[in-house]
Amino acid sequence: MAAVTALSGAAALTLAGEPSAQASPAPAARASGTIHAAPYEYLGWGSPQKPTDVMAATGVKWFTLAFILSDGGCNPAWDGSRPLKGGSDESAVKSIRGAGGDIVVSVGGWSGAKLGEKCSSAAALAGAYQKVIDAYKLKAFDIDIEDTEFSNATVRQRVVDALKIVKQKNPGIVTYVTMGTTPSGPDATGKDLIKRGAAAGLANDAWVIMPFDFGGHSGTMGQASVSAMEGLKNAVKSAYGYSDADAYKHIGVSSMNGKTDVAGETVTTADFKTILAYAKQHHIARYSFWSVNRDRACGSGGDADACSGVAQSPYDFTKIVAQYGG
């Protein structure tokens, strides 16, 4: 992506989704309510809170709604089964927008049938993505590429090429590619994905890492997250030929609140504040986390998809992310 798009894309998209005045090379962080702070909420399971309640309690205005999957073929559906239009998901989107917010839609995730694998060509995959974009007149789109979709080089290339088509057909749309990471940054597969994007001329707004499920790290999870983001910045800088400043504007982070999927690994509110300080220092493109559903203490038993596993008040983590303005 040309350096100028760091300002004309995600960094210039305000709450209303309209281009802001030309930003300076190092804009001051804005108040909450921008696209830069868009935590994940998944509406199909995990006892989801009403998005409008979350907005009122935290100041967050954007949500990343997850996940769009394959319905068995090259056709998108929420969790692979719920329709794009006419159901509870569309009602939730309308409620968010009615309260002055907006959405990023995320495609992929760890489980389920992935469009990147079910669609046999980049053109077909772009067509499936376009159905989602058209259904909600999206201003922003996230590909959460994990598991077999991530590990297959042919599929990685298909996703890159499909996103390039999406960019061409939807001028101004903000795109994110979200992937796992090591504490030192993307692994060889992640670096390959970024290189493929650069080689294809994909003007991706942000390459985003999920700094958790490490299986071992040094220091706090906040420090490990910063280390991972520095590794990501270096990978994006190398692949695209950006300056450091422009590379930072093309990276993002999506953490996980509380206990993660790895035994003994916990991300605290202090870690979120460490990430927030880093985001503000470098003006990264995106600060998100998995997930709003989990942003509350567990009751007896507890569902790991519906609570954090740590002592907290409701929305402690979301309120930190809401402080990020780009």
C-alpha atoms as a PDB file:
ATOM      1  CA  MET A   1       0.000   0.000   0.000  1.00  0.00           C
ATOM      2  CA  ALA A   2       1.259   3.485  -0.783  1.00  0.00           C
ATOM      3  CA  ALA A   3       2.172   5.413   2.324  1.00  0.00           C
ATOM      4  CA  VAL A   4      -0.605   7.953   1.775  1.00  0.00           C
ATOM      5  CA  THR A   5      -3.278   5.316   2.277  1.00  0.00           C
ATOM      6  CA  ALA A   6      -2.388   5.156   5.950  1.00  0.00           C
ATOM      7  CA  LEU A   7      -4.227   8.464   6.165  1.00  0.00           C
ATOM      8  CA  SER A   8      -6.852   8.012   3.477  1.00  0.00           C
ATOM      9  CA  GLY A   9      -7.963   4.592   4.714  1.00  0.00           C
ATOM     10  CA  ALA A  10      -8.515   3.428   8.284  1.00  0.00           C
ATOM     11  CA  ALA A  11      -6.853   6.378   9.943  1.00  0.00           C
ATOM     12  CA  ALA A  12      -9.199   8.840   8.297  1.00  0.00           C
ATOM     13  CA  LEU A  13     -12.445   6.935   8.897  1.00  0.00           C
ATOM     14  CA  THR A  14     -14.486   8.539  11.636  1.00  0.00           C
ATOM     15  CA  LEU A  15     -17.463   7.184  13.519  1.00  0.00           C
ATOM     16  CA  ALA A  16     -19.828   8.258  10.784  1.00  0.00           C
ATOM     17  CA  GLY A  17     -17.614   6.544   8.225  1.00  0.00           C
ATOM     18  CA  GLU A  18     -16.933   9.767   6.350  1.00  0.00           C
ATOM     19  CA  PRO A  19     -13.413  10.948   5.471  1.00  0.00           C
ATOM     20  CA  SER A  20     -12.060  13.327   8.056  1.00  0.00           C
ATOM     21  CA  ALA A  21     -10.005  16.383   7.316  1.00  0.00           C
ATOM     22  CA  GLN A  22      -6.494  15.565   6.148  1.00  0.00           C
ATOM     23  CA  ALA A  23      -4.645  14.141   9.138  1.00  0.00           C
ATOM     24  CA  SER A  24      -1.120  15.080  10.123  1.00  0.00           C
ATOM     25  CA  PRO A  25       1.638  12.453   9.875  1.00  0.00           C
ATOM     26  CA  ALA A  26       1.339  11.809  13.626  1.00  0.00           C
ATOM     27  CA  PRO A  27      -2.260  12.634  14.601  1.00  0.00           C
ATOM     28  CA  ALA A  28      -3.216  13.014  18.231  1.00  0.00           C
ATOM     29  CA  ALA A  29      -5.253  10.114  19.542  1.00  0.00           C
ATOM     30  CA  ARG A  30      -8.956  10.854  19.248  1.00  0.00           C
ATOM     31  CA  ALA A  31     -11.686  10.042  21.691  1.00  0.00           C
ATOM     32  CA  SER A  32     -13.415   6.661  21.732  1.00  0.00           C
ATOM     33  CA  GLY A  33     -15.902   5.891  19.021  1.00  0.00           C
ATOM     34  CA  THR A  34     -13.602   5.376  16.035  1.00  0.00           C
ATOM     35  CA  ILE A  35     -13.029   2.370  13.832  1.00  0.00           C
ATOM     36  CA  HIS A  36      -9.620   1.897  15.473  1.00  0.00           C
ATOM     37  CA  ALA A  37     -11.311   0.436  18.580  1.00  0.00           C
ATOM     38  CA  ALA A  38     -13.619  -2.338  17.409  1.00  0.00           C
ATOM     39  CA  PRO A  39     -13.726  -5.322  19.791  1.00  0.00           C
ATOM     40  CA  TYR A  40     -15.070  -8.656  18.631  1.00  0.00           C
ATOM     41  CA  GLU A  41     -18.525  -9.765  19.603  1.00  0.00           C
ATOM     42  CA  TYR A  42     -19.976 -13.029  18.392  1.00  0.00           C
ATOM     43  CA  LEU A  43     -23.721 -13.095  18.356  1.00  0.00           C
ATOM     44  CA  GLY A  44     -24.394 -16.775  17.743  1.00  0.00           C
ATOM     45  CA  TRP A  45     -23.114 -18.151  21.053  1.00  0.00           C
ATOM     46  CA  GLY A  46     -21.395 -17.155  24.273  1.00  0.00           C
ATOM     47  CA  SER A  47     -24.475 -15.415  25.737  1.00  0.00           C
ATOM     48  CA  PRO A  48     -23.905 -12.189  23.802  1.00  0.00           C
ATOM     49  CA  GLN A  49     -24.720  -8.869  25.423  1.00  0.00           C
ATOM     50  CA  LYS A  50     -26.886  -6.396  23.552  1.00  0.00           C
ATOM     51  CA  PRO A  51     -24.430  -4.306  21.509  1.00  0.00           C
ATOM     52  CA  THR A  52     -26.308  -1.126  22.362  1.00  0.00           C
ATOM     53  CA  ASP A  53     -25.877  -1.888  26.071  1.00  0.00           C
ATOM     54  CA  VAL A  54     -22.140  -2.289  25.515  1.00  0.00           C
ATOM     55  CA  MET A  55     -22.032   1.017  23.655  1.00  0.00           C
ATOM     56  CA  ALA A  56     -23.831   2.845  26.453  1.00  0.00           C
ATOM     57  CA  ALA A  57     -21.609   1.356  29.147  1.00  0.00           C
ATOM     58  CA  THR A  58     -18.204   1.745  27.485  1.00  0.00           C
ATOM     59  CA  GLY A  59     -18.201   4.409  24.774  1.00  0.00           C
ATOM     60  CA  VAL A  60     -17.256   1.857  22.113  1.00  0.00           C
ATOM     61  CA  LYS A  61     -19.076   2.555  18.854  1.00  0.00           C
ATOM     62  CA  TRP A  62     -17.607  -0.024  16.486  1.00  0.00           C
ATOM     63  CA  PHE A  63     -17.825  -3.796  16.815  1.00  0.00           C
ATOM     64  CA  THR A  64     -16.135  -6.552  14.887  1.00  0.00           C
ATOM     65  CA  LEU A  65     -18.923  -9.094  14.420  1.00  0.00           C
ATOM     66  CA  ALA A  66     -17.824 -12.717  14.039  1.00  0.00           C
ATOM     67  CA  PHE A  67     -17.869 -15.053  12.192  1.00  0.00           C
ATOM     68  CA  ILE A  68     -18.870 -15.457   8.586  1.00  0.00           C
ATOM     69  CA  LEU A  69     -18.225 -19.020   7.404  1.00  0.00           C
ATOM     70  CA  SER A  70     -19.067 -21.243   4.451  1.00  0.00           C
ATOM     71  CA  ASP A  71     -22.559 -22.712   4.339  1.00  0.00           C
ATOM     72  CA  GLY A  72     -20.967 -25.839   2.897  1.00  0.00           C
ATOM     73  CA  GLY A  73     -20.114 -24.279  -0.450  1.00  0.00           C
ATOM     74  CA  CYS A  74     -18.789 -20.962  -1.677  1.00  0.00           C
ATOM     75  CA  ASN A  75     -21.536 -19.001   0.022  1.00  0.00           C
ATOM     76  CA  PRO A  76     -21.316 -16.917   3.217  1.00  0.00           C
ATOM     77  CA  ALA A  77     -23.458 -17.362   6.314  1.00  0.00           C
ATOM     78  CA  TRP A  78     -23.131 -16.415   9.970  1.00  0.00           C
ATOM     79  CA  ASP A  79     -21.508 -19.408  11.697  1.00  0.00           C
ATOM     80  CA  GLY A  80     -22.107 -21.211   8.406  1.00  0.00           C
ATOM     81  CA  SER A  81     -25.846 -21.414   9.028  1.00  0.00           C
ATOM     82  CA  ARG A  82     -27.614 -18.113   9.774  1.00  0.00           C
ATOM     83  CA  PRO A  83     -28.633 -15.908   6.831  1.00  0.00           C
ATOM     84  CA  LEU A  84     -27.031 -12.554   6.122  1.00  0.00           C
ATOM     85  CA  LYS A  85     -30.386 -10.832   5.777  1.00  0.00           C
ATOM     86  CA  GLY A  86     -33.635 -11.060   7.694  1.00  0.00           C
ATOM     87  CA  GLY A  87     -32.363 -12.603  10.891  1.00  0.00           C
ATOM     88  CA  SER A  88     -31.110 -11.656  14.343  1.00  0.00           C
ATOM     89  CA  ASP A  89     -27.674 -10.662  13.025  1.00  0.00           C
ATOM     90  CA  GLU A  90     -29.079  -8.046  10.676  1.00  0.00           C
ATOM     91  CA  SER A  91     -31.265  -6.760  13.519  1.00  0.00           C
ATOM     92  CA  ALA A  92     -28.158  -6.362  15.697  1.00  0.00           C
ATOM     93  CA  VAL A  93     -26.382  -4.451  12.941  1.00  0.00           C
ATOM     94  CA  LYS A  94     -29.345  -2.115  12.566  1.00  0.00           C
ATOM     95  CA  SER A  95     -29.429  -1.509  16.327  1.00  0.00           C
ATOM     96  CA  ILE A  96     -25.712  -0.630  16.393  1.00  0.00           C
ATOM     97  CA  ARG A  97     -26.097   1.793  13.531  1.00  0.00           C
ATOM     98  CA  GLY A  98     -29.264   3.209  15.026  1.00  0.00           C
ATOM     99  CA  ALA A  99     -27.271   4.079  18.145  1.00  0.00           C
ATOM    100  CA  GLY A 100     -24.621   5.875  16.092  1.00  0.00           C
ATOM    101  CA  GLY A 101     -22.163   3.011  15.709  1.00  0.00           C
ATOM    102  CA  ASP A 102     -20.997   0.752  12.928  1.00  0.00           C
ATOM    103  CA  ILE A 103     -19.472  -2.658  12.274  1.00  0.00           C
ATOM    104  CA  VAL A 104     -16.542  -4.535  10.874  1.00  0.00           C
ATOM    105  CA  VAL A 105     -17.555  -8.033   9.740  1.00  0.00           C
ATOM    106  CA  SER A 106     -15.034 -10.813  10.344  1.00  0.00           C
ATOM    107  CA  VAL A 107     -14.734 -13.830   8.061  1.00  0.00           C
ATOM    108  CA  GLY A 108     -13.045 -16.999   9.249  1.00  0.00           C
ATOM    109  CA  GLY A 109     -11.902 -17.837  12.768  1.00  0.00           C
ATOM    110  CA  TRP A 110     -10.499 -21.097  14.095  1.00  0.00           C
ATOM    111  CA  SER A 111     -13.374 -23.537  13.666  1.00  0.00           C
ATOM    112  CA  GLY A 112     -15.889 -24.302  10.953  1.00  0.00           C
ATOM    113  CA  ALA A 113     -15.783 -24.434   7.169  1.00  0.00           C
ATOM    114  CA  LYS A 114     -13.799 -21.538   5.681  1.00  0.00           C
ATOM    115  CA  LEU A 115     -14.737 -19.666   2.531  1.00  0.00           C
ATOM    116  CA  GLY A 116     -11.069 -19.493   1.549  1.00  0.00           C
ATOM    117  CA  GLU A 117     -11.046 -23.267   1.259  1.00  0.00           C
ATOM    118  CA  LYS A 118     -14.554 -23.823  -0.087  1.00  0.00           C
ATOM    119  CA  CYS A 119     -14.271 -21.240  -2.873  1.00  0.00           C
ATOM    120  CA  SER A 120     -12.154 -22.669  -5.695  1.00  0.00           C
ATOM    121  CA  SER A 121     -10.744 -19.424  -7.101  1.00  0.00           C
ATOM    122  CA  ALA A 122      -9.879 -15.907  -6.029  1.00  0.00           C
ATOM    123  CA  ALA A 123     -12.722 -14.552  -8.157  1.00  0.00           C
ATOM    124  CA  ALA A 124     -15.241 -16.887  -6.524  1.00  0.00           C
ATOM    125  CA  LEU A 125     -13.924 -16.043  -3.053  1.00  0.00           C
ATOM    126  CA  ALA A 126     -14.111 -12.324  -3.800  1.00  0.00           C
ATOM    127  CA  GLY A 127     -17.691 -12.888  -4.893  1.00  0.00           C
ATOM    128  CA  ALA A 128     -18.521 -14.519  -1.568  1.00  0.00           C
ATOM    129  CA  TYR A 129     -16.879 -11.636   0.314  1.00  0.00           C
ATOM    130  CA  GLN A 130     -18.836  -9.193  -1.850  1.00  0.00           C
ATOM    131  CA  LYS A 131     -22.142 -10.743  -0.787  1.00  0.00           C
ATOM    132  CA  VAL A 132     -21.311  -9.839   2.810  1.00  0.00           C
ATOM    133  CA  ILE A 133     -20.141  -6.349   1.893  1.00  0.00           C
ATOM    134  CA  ASP A 134     -23.294  -5.702  -0.124  1.00  0.00           C
ATOM    135  CA  ALA A 135     -25.619  -7.149   2.529  1.00  0.00           C
ATOM    136  CA  TYR A 136     -24.471  -4.585   5.091  1.00  0.00           C
ATOM    137  CA  LYS A 137     -22.957  -1.851   2.919  1.00  0.00           C
ATOM    138  CA  LEU A 138     -19.746  -2.388   4.827  1.00  0.00           C
ATOM    139  CA  LYS A 139     -17.037   0.210   5.297  1.00  0.00           C
ATOM    140  CA  ALA A 140     -14.655  -2.321   6.870  1.00  0.00           C
ATOM    141  CA  PHE A 141     -13.915  -6.023   6.487  1.00  0.00           C
ATOM    142  CA  ASP A 142     -11.727  -8.445   8.480  1.00  0.00           C
ATOM    143  CA  ILE A 143     -10.278 -11.777   7.374  1.00  0.00           C
ATOM    144  CA  ASP A 144      -9.404 -13.813  10.463  1.00  0.00           C
ATOM    145  CA  ILE A 145      -7.235 -16.447   8.809  1.00  0.00           C
ATOM    146  CA  GLU A 146      -6.497 -19.420  11.026  1.00  0.00           C
ATOM    147  CA  ASP A 147      -5.912 -23.169  11.125  1.00  0.00           C
ATOM    148  CA  THR A 148      -5.974 -24.937   7.727  1.00  0.00           C
ATOM    149  CA  GLU A 149      -6.917 -21.783   5.836  1.00  0.00           C
ATOM    150  CA  PHE A 150      -3.741 -20.185   7.176  1.00  0.00           C
ATOM    151  CA  SER A 151      -1.418 -23.166   6.762  1.00  0.00           C
ATOM    152  CA  ASN A 152      -2.246 -23.849   3.088  1.00  0.00           C
ATOM    153  CA  ALA A 153      -0.100 -21.710   0.752  1.00  0.00           C
ATOM    154  CA  THR A 154      -2.606 -22.006  -2.100  1.00  0.00           C
ATOM    155  CA  VAL A 155      -5.401 -20.753   0.126  1.00  0.00           C
ATOM    156  CA  ARG A 156      -3.254 -17.922   1.499  1.00  0.00           C
ATOM    157  CA  GLN A 157      -2.650 -16.725  -2.045  1.00  0.00           C
ATOM    158  CA  ARG A 158      -6.357 -17.067  -2.859  1.00  0.00           C
ATOM    159  CA  VAL A 159      -7.284 -14.888   0.103  1.00  0.00           C
ATOM    160  CA  VAL A 160      -4.736 -12.233  -0.881  1.00  0.00           C
ATOM    161  CA  ASP A 161      -5.920 -12.174  -4.486  1.00  0.00           C
ATOM    162  CA  ALA A 162      -9.583 -12.085  -3.441  1.00  0.00           C
ATOM    163  CA  LEU A 163      -8.953  -9.159  -1.117  1.00  0.00           C
ATOM    164  CA  LYS A 164      -7.229  -7.302  -3.919  1.00  0.00           C
ATOM    165  CA  ILE A 165     -10.372  -7.726  -6.036  1.00  0.00           C
ATOM    166  CA  VAL A 166     -12.481  -6.502  -3.102  1.00  0.00           C
ATOM    167  CA  LYS A 167     -10.293  -3.412  -2.802  1.00  0.00           C
ATOM    168  CA  GLN A 168     -10.699  -2.666  -6.505  1.00  0.00           C
ATOM    169  CA  LYS A 169     -14.472  -3.104  -6.476  1.00  0.00           C
ATOM    170  CA  ASN A 170     -15.089  -1.218  -3.224  1.00  0.00           C
ATOM    171  CA  PRO A 171     -13.013   1.975  -3.221  1.00  0.00           C
ATOM    172  CA  GLY A 172     -12.318   3.192   0.289  1.00  0.00           C
ATOM    173  CA  ILE A 173     -13.204  -0.043   2.079  1.00  0.00           C
ATOM    174  CA  VAL A 174     -10.917  -0.744   5.032  1.00  0.00           C
ATOM    175  CA  THR A 175      -9.486  -4.269   5.131  1.00  0.00           C
ATOM    176  CA  TYR A 176      -7.750  -6.177   7.899  1.00  0.00           C
ATOM    177  CA  VAL A 177      -6.000  -9.538   7.814  1.00  0.00           C
ATOM    178  CA  THR A 178      -5.824 -11.099  11.285  1.00  0.00           C
ATOM    179  CA  MET A 179      -3.561 -14.023  12.200  1.00  0.00           C
ATOM    180  CA  GLY A 180      -1.838 -15.753  15.092  1.00  0.00           C
ATOM    181  CA  THR A 181       1.679 -14.884  16.193  1.00  0.00           C
ATOM    182  CA  THR A 182       4.684 -15.861  18.262  1.00  0.00           C
ATOM    183  CA  PRO A 183       6.003 -13.557  21.019  1.00  0.00           C
ATOM    184  CA  SER A 184       8.579 -12.271  18.520  1.00  0.00           C
ATOM    185  CA  GLY A 185       6.104 -11.623  15.713  1.00  0.00           C
ATOM    186  CA  PRO A 186       4.513 -13.601  12.881  1.00  0.00           C
ATOM    187  CA  ASP A 187       5.915 -17.061  12.257  1.00  0.00           C
ATOM    188  CA  ALA A 188       7.218 -18.146   8.842  1.00  0.00           C
ATOM    189  CA  THR A 189       3.663 -18.722   7.593  1.00  0.00           C
ATOM    190  CA  GLY A 190       2.528 -15.294   8.733  1.00  0.00           C
ATOM    191  CA  LYS A 191       5.530 -13.625   7.143  1.00  0.00           C
ATOM    192  CA  ASP A 192       4.809 -15.500   3.924  1.00  0.00           C
ATOM    193  CA  LEU A 193       1.226 -14.213   3.950  1.00  0.00           C
ATOM    194  CA  ILE A 194       2.414 -10.618   4.345  1.00  0.00           C
ATOM    195  CA  LYS A 195       4.991 -11.068   1.580  1.00  0.00           C
ATOM    196  CA  ARG A 196       2.319 -12.484  -0.709  1.00  0.00           C
ATOM    197  CA  GLY A 197       0.186  -9.426  -0.012  1.00  0.00           C
ATOM    198  CA  ALA A 198       3.037  -7.084  -0.871  1.00  0.00           C
ATOM    199  CA  ALA A 199       3.969  -9.023  -3.994  1.00  0.00           C
ATOM    200  CA  ALA A 200       0.363  -8.924  -5.207  1.00  0.00           C
ATOM    201  CA  GLY A 201       0.106  -5.183  -4.614  1.00  0.00           C
ATOM    202  CA  LEU A 202      -2.585  -5.687  -1.974  1.00  0.00           C
ATOM    203  CA  ALA A 203      -3.203  -2.296  -0.357  1.00  0.00           C
ATOM    204  CA  ASN A 204      -4.219  -3.849   2.956  1.00  0.00           C
ATOM    205  CA  ASP A 205      -5.010  -1.313   5.655  1.00  0.00           C
ATOM    206  CA  ALA A 206      -3.665  -3.421   8.503  1.00  0.00           C
ATOM    207  CA  TRP A 207      -2.003  -6.726   9.186  1.00  0.00           C
ATOM    208  CA  VAL A 208      -3.241  -7.737  12.627  1.00  0.00           C
ATOM    209  CA  ILE A 209      -1.863 -10.265  15.110  1.00  0.00           C
ATOM    210  CA  MET A 210      -3.472 -12.132  17.990  1.00  0.00           C
ATOM    211  CA  PRO A 211      -0.778 -12.144  20.711  1.00  0.00           C
ATOM    212  CA  PHE A 212      -1.994 -14.988  22.914  1.00  0.00           C
ATOM    213  CA  ASP A 213      -2.021 -18.787  23.048  1.00  0.00           C
ATOM    214  CA  PHE A 214       1.768 -18.561  22.958  1.00  0.00           C
ATOM    215  CA  GLY A 215       2.458 -21.742  24.890  1.00  0.00           C
ATOM    216  CA  GLY A 216       5.291 -19.924  26.636  1.00  0.00           C
ATOM    217  CA  HIS A 217       6.644 -16.374  26.757  1.00  0.00           C
ATOM    218  CA  SER A 218       8.917 -14.059  28.735  1.00  0.00           C
ATOM    219  CA  GLY A 219       7.686 -11.215  30.939  1.00  0.00           C
ATOM    220  CA  THR A 220       4.082 -10.104  31.173  1.00  0.00           C
ATOM    221  CA  MET A 221       1.564 -10.769  28.431  1.00  0.00           C
ATOM    222  CA  GLY A 222       1.574  -7.025  27.777  1.00  0.00           C
ATOM    223  CA  GLN A 223       5.328  -7.076  27.199  1.00  0.00           C
ATOM    224  CA  ALA A 224       5.049 -10.180  25.034  1.00  0.00           C
ATOM    225  CA  SER A 225       2.321  -8.467  23.008  1.00  0.00           C
ATOM    226  CA  VAL A 226       4.531  -5.415  22.426  1.00  0.00           C
ATOM    227  CA  SER A 227       7.387  -7.693  21.352  1.00  0.00           C
ATOM    228  CA  ALA A 228       5.063  -9.478  18.927  1.00  0.00           C
ATOM    229  CA  MET A 229       3.831  -6.169  17.484  1.00  0.00           C
ATOM    230  CA  GLU A 230       7.392  -4.982  16.952  1.00  0.00           C
ATOM    231  CA  GLY A 231       8.060  -8.193  15.043  1.00  0.00           C
ATOM    232  CA  LEU A 232       4.924  -7.595  12.983  1.00  0.00           C
ATOM    233  CA  LYS A 233       5.976  -4.021  12.248  1.00  0.00           C
ATOM    234  CA  ASN A 234       9.347  -5.225  11.025  1.00  0.00           C
ATOM    235  CA  ALA A 235       7.767  -7.892   8.803  1.00  0.00           C
ATOM    236  CA  VAL A 236       5.357  -5.385   7.230  1.00  0.00           C
ATOM    237  CA  LYS A 237       8.122  -2.796   6.814  1.00  0.00           C
ATOM    238  CA  SER A 238      10.350  -5.335   5.086  1.00  0.00           C
ATOM    239  CA  ALA A 239       7.658  -6.688   2.763  1.00  0.00           C
ATOM    240  CA  TYR A 240       6.198  -3.335   1.704  1.00  0.00           C
ATOM    241  CA  GLY A 241       9.235  -1.083   1.931  1.00  0.00           C
ATOM    242  CA  TYR A 242       7.525   1.247   4.396  1.00  0.00           C
ATOM    243  CA  SER A 243       9.216   3.630   6.793  1.00  0.00           C
ATOM    244  CA  ASP A 244       8.822   2.712  10.472  1.00  0.00           C
ATOM    245  CA  ALA A 245       6.067   5.309  10.867  1.00  0.00           C
ATOM    246  CA  ASP A 246       4.085   3.990   7.916  1.00  0.00           C
ATOM    247  CA  ALA A 247       4.619   0.381   8.959  1.00  0.00           C
ATOM    248  CA  TYR A 248       3.106   1.107  12.378  1.00  0.00           C
ATOM    249  CA  LYS A 249       0.052   2.615  10.661  1.00  0.00           C
ATOM    250  CA  HIS A 250      -0.430  -0.682   8.821  1.00  0.00           C
ATOM    251  CA  ILE A 251      -0.405  -3.013  11.824  1.00  0.00           C
ATOM    252  CA  GLY A 252      -2.959  -3.883  14.453  1.00  0.00           C
ATOM    253  CA  VAL A 253      -3.517  -6.055  17.502  1.00  0.00           C
ATOM    254  CA  SER A 254      -6.361  -8.267  18.662  1.00  0.00           C
ATOM    255  CA  SER A 255      -5.729  -9.530  22.183  1.00  0.00           C
ATOM    256  CA  MET A 256      -7.743 -11.895  24.382  1.00  0.00           C
ATOM    257  CA  ASN A 257      -9.039 -10.830  27.777  1.00  0.00           C
ATOM    258  CA  GLY A 258      -8.499 -12.863  30.917  1.00  0.00           C
ATOM    259  CA  LYS A 259      -7.659 -16.554  30.747  1.00  0.00           C
ATOM    260  CA  THR A 260      -6.721 -17.634  27.227  1.00  0.00           C
ATOM    261  CA  ASP A 261      -6.908 -21.084  25.618  1.00  0.00           C
ATOM    262  CA  VAL A 262      -3.507 -21.992  27.082  1.00  0.00           C
ATOM    263  CA  ALA A 263      -3.336 -23.157  30.698  1.00  0.00           C
ATOM    264  CA  GLY A 264      -1.602 -20.633  32.928  1.00  0.00           C
ATOM    265  CA  GLU A 265      -1.733 -17.810  30.375  1.00  0.00           C
ATOM    266  CA  THR A 266      -3.749 -14.784  31.505  1.00  0.00           C
ATOM    267  CA  VAL A 267      -4.077 -11.329  29.937  1.00  0.00           C
ATOM    268  CA  THR A 268      -4.845  -8.715  32.597  1.00  0.00           C
ATOM    269  CA  THR A 269      -6.240  -5.197  32.412  1.00  0.00           C
ATOM    270  CA  ALA A 270      -2.686  -4.022  33.123  1.00  0.00           C
ATOM    271  CA  ASP A 271      -1.582  -5.867  29.980  1.00  0.00           C
ATOM    272  CA  PHE A 272      -4.362  -4.147  28.021  1.00  0.00           C
ATOM    273  CA  LYS A 273      -3.080  -0.808  29.294  1.00  0.00           C
ATOM    274  CA  THR A 274       0.431  -1.703  28.134  1.00  0.00           C
ATOM    275  CA  ILE A 275      -0.950  -2.454  24.669  1.00  0.00           C
ATOM    276  CA  LEU A 276      -2.953   0.780  24.733  1.00  0.00           C
ATOM    277  CA  ALA A 277       0.157   2.830  25.507  1.00  0.00           C
ATOM    278  CA  TYR A 278       1.994   1.180  22.623  1.00  0.00           C
ATOM    279  CA  ALA A 279      -0.950   1.775  20.270  1.00  0.00           C
ATOM    280  CA  LYS A 280      -1.103   5.466  21.208  1.00  0.00           C
ATOM    281  CA  GLN A 281       2.661   5.886  20.865  1.00  0.00           C
ATOM    282  CA  HIS A 282       2.797   4.434  17.361  1.00  0.00           C
ATOM    283  CA  HIS A 283      -0.694   5.203  15.988  1.00  0.00           C
ATOM    284  CA  ILE A 284      -1.368   1.644  14.929  1.00  0.00           C
ATOM    285  CA  ALA A 285      -4.400   0.956  12.761  1.00  0.00           C
ATOM    286  CA  ARG A 286      -6.437  -1.294  15.033  1.00  0.00           C
ATOM    287  CA  TYR A 287      -6.864  -2.286  18.689  1.00  0.00           C
ATOM    288  CA  SER A 288      -9.372  -5.095  19.172  1.00  0.00           C
ATOM    289  CA  PHE A 289      -9.806  -8.125  21.396  1.00  0.00           C
ATOM    290  CA  TRP A 290     -11.573 -11.447  21.776  1.00  0.00           C
ATOM    291  CA  SER A 291     -14.132 -10.749  23.057  1.00  0.00           C
ATOM    292  CA  VAL A 292     -16.931  -8.560  24.401  1.00  0.00           C
ATOM    293  CA  ASN A 293     -18.826 -11.753  25.292  1.00  0.00           C
ATOM    294  CA  ARG A 294     -15.993 -12.637  27.686  1.00  0.00           C
ATOM    295  CA  ASP A 295     -15.735  -9.179  29.265  1.00  0.00           C
ATOM    296  CA  ARG A 296     -17.359 -10.126  32.587  1.00  0.00           C
ATOM    297  CA  ALA A 297     -16.597 -12.344  35.536  1.00  0.00           C
ATOM    298  CA  CYS A 298     -17.678 -15.977  35.460  1.00  0.00           C
ATOM    299  CA  GLY A 299     -20.501 -17.340  37.550  1.00  0.00           C
ATOM    300  CA  SER A 300     -20.529 -20.847  38.963  1.00  0.00           C
ATOM    301  CA  GLY A 301     -19.023 -23.202  36.425  1.00  0.00           C
ATOM    302  CA  GLY A 302     -18.522 -20.539  33.806  1.00  0.00           C
ATOM    303  CA  ASP A 303     -18.459 -20.754  30.032  1.00  0.00           C
ATOM    304  CA  ALA A 304     -15.066 -19.794  28.590  1.00  0.00           C
ATOM    305  CA  ASP A 305     -16.871 -18.250  25.618  1.00  0.00           C
ATOM    306  CA  ALA A 306     -19.024 -16.086  27.900  1.00  0.00           C
ATOM    307  CA  CYS A 307     -16.667 -14.867  30.655  1.00  0.00           C
ATOM    308  CA  SER A 308     -13.031 -13.984  31.254  1.00  0.00           C
ATOM    309  CA  GLY A 309     -12.127 -16.366  34.042  1.00  0.00           C
ATOM    310  CA  VAL A 310     -10.665 -13.531  36.131  1.00  0.00           C
ATOM    311  CA  ALA A 311     -12.066 -11.211  38.790  1.00  0.00           C
ATOM    312  CA  GLN A 312     -13.397  -8.108  37.059  1.00  0.00           C
ATOM    313  CA  SER A 313     -16.283  -5.722  36.695  1.00  0.00           C
ATOM    314  CA  PRO A 314     -18.341  -5.838  33.500  1.00  0.00           C
ATOM    315  CA  TYR A 315     -16.556  -4.306  30.499  1.00  0.00           C
ATOM    316  CA  ASP A 316     -13.254  -3.556  32.270  1.00  0.00           C
ATOM    317  CA  PHE A 317     -11.356  -4.601  29.145  1.00  0.00           C
ATOM    318  CA  THR A 318     -13.669  -2.944  26.626  1.00  0.00           C
ATOM    319  CA  LYS A 319     -13.375   0.362  28.491  1.00  0.00           C
ATOM    320  CA  ILE A 320      -9.588   0.267  28.017  1.00  0.00           C
ATOM    321  CA  VAL A 321      -9.844  -0.472  24.298  1.00  0.00           C
ATOM    322  CA  ALA A 322     -12.428   2.315  23.964  1.00  0.00           C
ATOM    323  CA  GLN A 323      -9.746   4.820  24.941  1.00  0.00           C
ATOM    324  CA  TYR A 324      -7.914   4.226  21.666  1.00  0.00           C
ATOM    325  CA  GLY A 325      -8.626   6.685  18.899  1.00  0.00           C
ATOM    326  CA  GLY A 326      -5.959   6.026  16.285  1.00  0.00           C
END
